[in-house]
Each structure stands twice: as structure tokens, then as C-alpha cells.
């Protein structure tokens, strides 16, 4: 069974940075894509970024130039580096593994002074 374990959320001031991690077990991570989604209170879940097994990553317009998605296939882990954080980035962030449609448990990111 595939399991996704997230870590790295927290409280940060505007302009700060956080790195989220998503450890994948039970699957051949290196052969599959991974995505990060987020859901703010009262809003629909939205796609933030996607990284394929090979090739270029894709980003939502709202995070381009500030967020970077990456992967370490040796560690079966995906990452979301978030820089220049804004209050509107506050949300629960979820990693998603399209092969089999698995979700992480979610991690809260709060950007506030």
C-alpha cells in the first residue's frame, strides 16, 4: 500500500520561507509524477505544482518564481520550497501521488506577522 507522509509546515512571517517534504513508501517513486495542492479556508483545493518523473515542473501562476518543486528519487521524497511567502499562501498543503490517487495527510502553512 502506498503511503505519503508530509512534514515541514508551520507559522512563518510574510517574506519568509518554508520547505515541505512528502515521503512516499510502497511505490516506485522514481517512475511517477508528484503534485502539491493547497486548500485555504472556504476555498476549493487548488493545484500548486507538479513534477514529472523527468522533464520540467509546472506551477500555478500564483506561485511561479516563488515556489520550487523538486524530488530526490534516492530518498523517495518530494519537496516544495516556498520562498517570499505571502498571507494568501496560508492553507493546508497536500502532496498527491497520481498513480493510484493517494493523498498525504496535509500540513498547515500559516503566513502571518
C-alpha atoms as a PDB file:
ATOM      1  CA  UNK A   1       0.000   0.000   0.000  1.00  0.00           C
ATOM      2  CA  UNK A   2       1.238   3.465  -0.898  1.00  0.00           C
ATOM      3  CA  UNK A   3       1.688   5.913   1.963  1.00  0.00           C
ATOM      4  CA  UNK A   4       2.545   9.601   1.787  1.00  0.00           C
ATOM      5  CA  UNK A   5       3.944  11.302   4.879  1.00  0.00           C
ATOM      6  CA  UNK A   6       4.201  15.074   4.898  1.00  0.00           C
ATOM      7  CA  UNK A   7       6.252  17.352   7.102  1.00  0.00           C
ATOM      8  CA  UNK A   8       7.546  20.898   7.253  1.00  0.00           C
ATOM      9  CA  UNK A   9       4.546  23.155   7.722  1.00  0.00           C
ATOM     10  CA  UNK A  10       4.293  25.861  10.333  1.00  0.00           C
ATOM     11  CA  UNK A  11       3.956  29.548  11.063  1.00  0.00           C
ATOM     12  CA  UNK A  12       6.135  31.996   9.164  1.00  0.00           C
ATOM     13  CA  UNK A  13       6.193  35.757   8.719  1.00  0.00           C
ATOM     14  CA  UNK A  14       5.444  37.341   5.346  1.00  0.00           C
ATOM     15  CA  UNK A  15       8.517  37.190   3.155  1.00  0.00           C
ATOM     16  CA  UNK A  16       9.779  34.086   4.904  1.00  0.00           C
ATOM     17  CA  UNK A  17      10.444  30.587   3.639  1.00  0.00           C
ATOM     18  CA  UNK A  18       9.378  27.029   4.383  1.00  0.00           C
ATOM     19  CA  UNK A  19      10.178  23.667   2.854  1.00  0.00           C
ATOM     20  CA  UNK A  20       7.587  20.922   2.769  1.00  0.00           C
ATOM     21  CA  UNK A  21       8.540  17.277   2.394  1.00  0.00           C
ATOM     22  CA  UNK A  22       6.495  14.298   1.228  1.00  0.00           C
ATOM     23  CA  UNK A  23       7.966  10.850   1.789  1.00  0.00           C
ATOM     24  CA  UNK A  24       6.476   8.129  -0.404  1.00  0.00           C
ATOM     25  CA  UNK A  25       6.531   4.452   0.515  1.00  0.00           C
ATOM     26  CA  UNK A  26       5.112   1.397  -1.217  1.00  0.00           C
ATOM     27  CA  UNK A  27       5.639   2.561  -4.797  1.00  0.00           C
ATOM     28  CA  UNK A  28       8.371   3.088  -7.380  1.00  0.00           C
ATOM     29  CA  UNK A  29       8.583   6.804  -6.770  1.00  0.00           C
ATOM     30  CA  UNK A  30      11.159   7.473  -9.479  1.00  0.00           C
ATOM     31  CA  UNK A  31       8.750   6.403 -12.242  1.00  0.00           C
ATOM     32  CA  UNK A  32       5.817   8.579 -11.241  1.00  0.00           C
ATOM     33  CA  UNK A  33       4.727  12.187 -11.009  1.00  0.00           C
ATOM     34  CA  UNK A  34       4.003  14.001  -7.785  1.00  0.00           C
ATOM     35  CA  UNK A  35       1.879  17.080  -7.098  1.00  0.00           C
ATOM     36  CA  UNK A  36       1.316  19.585  -4.333  1.00  0.00           C
ATOM     37  CA  UNK A  37      -2.143  21.031  -3.733  1.00  0.00           C
ATOM     38  CA  UNK A  38      -3.384  23.522  -1.170  1.00  0.00           C
ATOM     39  CA  UNK A  39      -6.725  24.412   0.331  1.00  0.00           C
ATOM     40  CA  UNK A  40      -7.413  27.679   2.096  1.00  0.00           C
ATOM     41  CA  UNK A  41     -10.403  28.119   4.420  1.00  0.00           C
ATOM     42  CA  UNK A  42     -13.605  28.477   2.423  1.00  0.00           C
ATOM     43  CA  UNK A  43     -11.879  27.799  -0.880  1.00  0.00           C
ATOM     44  CA  UNK A  44     -11.541  24.836  -3.208  1.00  0.00           C
ATOM     45  CA  UNK A  45      -8.407  22.740  -3.265  1.00  0.00           C
ATOM     46  CA  UNK A  46      -6.056  24.033  -5.944  1.00  0.00           C
ATOM     47  CA  UNK A  47      -3.039  22.604  -7.729  1.00  0.00           C
ATOM     48  CA  UNK A  48       0.169  24.364  -6.740  1.00  0.00           C
ATOM     49  CA  UNK A  49       2.885  22.449  -8.581  1.00  0.00           C
ATOM     50  CA  UNK A  50       3.628  19.174 -10.341  1.00  0.00           C
ATOM     51  CA  UNK A  51       6.878  17.395 -11.064  1.00  0.00           C
ATOM     52  CA  UNK A  52       7.039  14.565 -13.600  1.00  0.00           C
ATOM     53  CA  UNK A  53       9.464  11.637 -13.422  1.00  0.00           C
ATOM     54  CA  UNK A  54      11.574  13.529 -15.968  1.00  0.00           C
ATOM     55  CA  UNK A  55      11.190  16.912 -17.585  1.00  0.00           C
ATOM     56  CA  UNK A  56      10.032  20.304 -16.444  1.00  0.00           C
ATOM     57  CA  UNK A  57       7.902  21.080 -13.447  1.00  0.00           C
ATOM     58  CA  UNK A  58       4.692  23.083 -13.735  1.00  0.00           C
ATOM     59  CA  UNK A  59       3.400  25.752 -11.368  1.00  0.00           C
ATOM     60  CA  UNK A  60       0.261  27.698 -10.664  1.00  0.00           C
ATOM     61  CA  UNK A  61       0.607  31.301 -11.789  1.00  0.00           C
ATOM     62  CA  UNK A  62       0.171  32.476  -8.199  1.00  0.00           C
ATOM     63  CA  UNK A  63       3.387  30.755  -7.062  1.00  0.00           C
ATOM     64  CA  UNK A  64       5.651  30.980 -10.122  1.00  0.00           C
ATOM     65  CA  UNK A  65       9.024  32.417  -9.248  1.00  0.00           C
ATOM     66  CA  UNK A  66       8.479  31.864  -5.516  1.00  0.00           C
ATOM     67  CA  UNK A  67       7.919  28.126  -5.103  1.00  0.00           C
ATOM     68  CA  UNK A  68      10.104  25.286  -6.349  1.00  0.00           C
ATOM     69  CA  UNK A  69       9.038  21.653  -6.528  1.00  0.00           C
ATOM     70  CA  UNK A  70      11.765  19.033  -6.531  1.00  0.00           C
ATOM     71  CA  UNK A  71      12.337  15.349  -5.886  1.00  0.00           C
ATOM     72  CA  UNK A  72      15.007  13.068  -4.500  1.00  0.00           C
ATOM     73  CA  UNK A  73      14.378   9.650  -6.010  1.00  0.00           C
ATOM     74  CA  UNK A  74      17.028   8.070  -3.806  1.00  0.00           C
ATOM     75  CA  UNK A  75      15.042   9.098  -0.749  1.00  0.00           C
ATOM     76  CA  UNK A  76      11.584   8.555  -2.318  1.00  0.00           C
ATOM     77  CA  UNK A  77      10.765  12.091  -1.269  1.00  0.00           C
ATOM     78  CA  UNK A  78       9.306  15.138  -2.938  1.00  0.00           C
ATOM     79  CA  UNK A  79       9.741  18.709  -1.762  1.00  0.00           C
ATOM     80  CA  UNK A  80       8.096  22.084  -2.081  1.00  0.00           C
ATOM     81  CA  UNK A  81      10.410  25.003  -1.332  1.00  0.00           C
ATOM     82  CA  UNK A  82       8.325  28.098  -0.648  1.00  0.00           C
ATOM     83  CA  UNK A  83      10.019  31.498  -0.635  1.00  0.00           C
ATOM     84  CA  UNK A  84       8.709  35.044  -0.380  1.00  0.00           C
ATOM     85  CA  UNK A  85       5.615  33.750   1.357  1.00  0.00           C
ATOM     86  CA  UNK A  86       2.505  35.897   1.436  1.00  0.00           C
ATOM     87  CA  UNK A  87      -0.555  35.887   3.671  1.00  0.00           C
ATOM     88  CA  UNK A  88      -2.563  34.483   0.772  1.00  0.00           C
ATOM     89  CA  UNK A  89      -0.353  31.387   0.756  1.00  0.00           C
ATOM     90  CA  UNK A  90      -1.917  30.368   4.080  1.00  0.00           C
ATOM     91  CA  UNK A  91      -3.561  26.978   3.559  1.00  0.00           C
ATOM     92  CA  UNK A  92      -3.335  23.285   4.265  1.00  0.00           C
ATOM     93  CA  UNK A  93      -0.880  21.807   1.796  1.00  0.00           C
ATOM     94  CA  UNK A  94      -1.285  18.265   0.491  1.00  0.00           C
ATOM     95  CA  UNK A  95       1.023  16.108  -1.565  1.00  0.00           C
ATOM     96  CA  UNK A  96      -0.663  13.903  -4.122  1.00  0.00           C
ATOM     97  CA  UNK A  97       0.543  10.802  -5.923  1.00  0.00           C
ATOM     98  CA  UNK A  98      -1.430  10.430  -9.173  1.00  0.00           C
ATOM     99  CA  UNK A  99      -0.635   6.740  -9.642  1.00  0.00           C
ATOM    100  CA  UNK A 100      -3.383   5.242  -7.537  1.00  0.00           C
ATOM    101  CA  UNK A 101      -4.658   8.678  -6.408  1.00  0.00           C
ATOM    102  CA  UNK A 102      -3.051   8.825  -2.971  1.00  0.00           C
ATOM    103  CA  UNK A 103      -3.052  11.906  -0.739  1.00  0.00           C
ATOM    104  CA  UNK A 104      -0.821  12.963   2.086  1.00  0.00           C
ATOM    105  CA  UNK A 105      -2.351  13.870   5.432  1.00  0.00           C
ATOM    106  CA  UNK A 106      -1.922  17.600   4.883  1.00  0.00           C
ATOM    107  CA  UNK A 107       0.259  20.129   6.665  1.00  0.00           C
ATOM    108  CA  UNK A 108      -0.773  23.607   7.778  1.00  0.00           C
ATOM    109  CA  UNK A 109       1.144  26.604   6.465  1.00  0.00           C
ATOM    110  CA  UNK A 110       0.282  29.919   8.091  1.00  0.00           C
ATOM    111  CA  UNK A 111       1.827  33.171   6.891  1.00  0.00           C
ATOM    112  CA  UNK A 112       1.247  35.920   9.404  1.00  0.00           C
ATOM    113  CA  UNK A 113       3.064  38.663  11.262  1.00  0.00           C
END
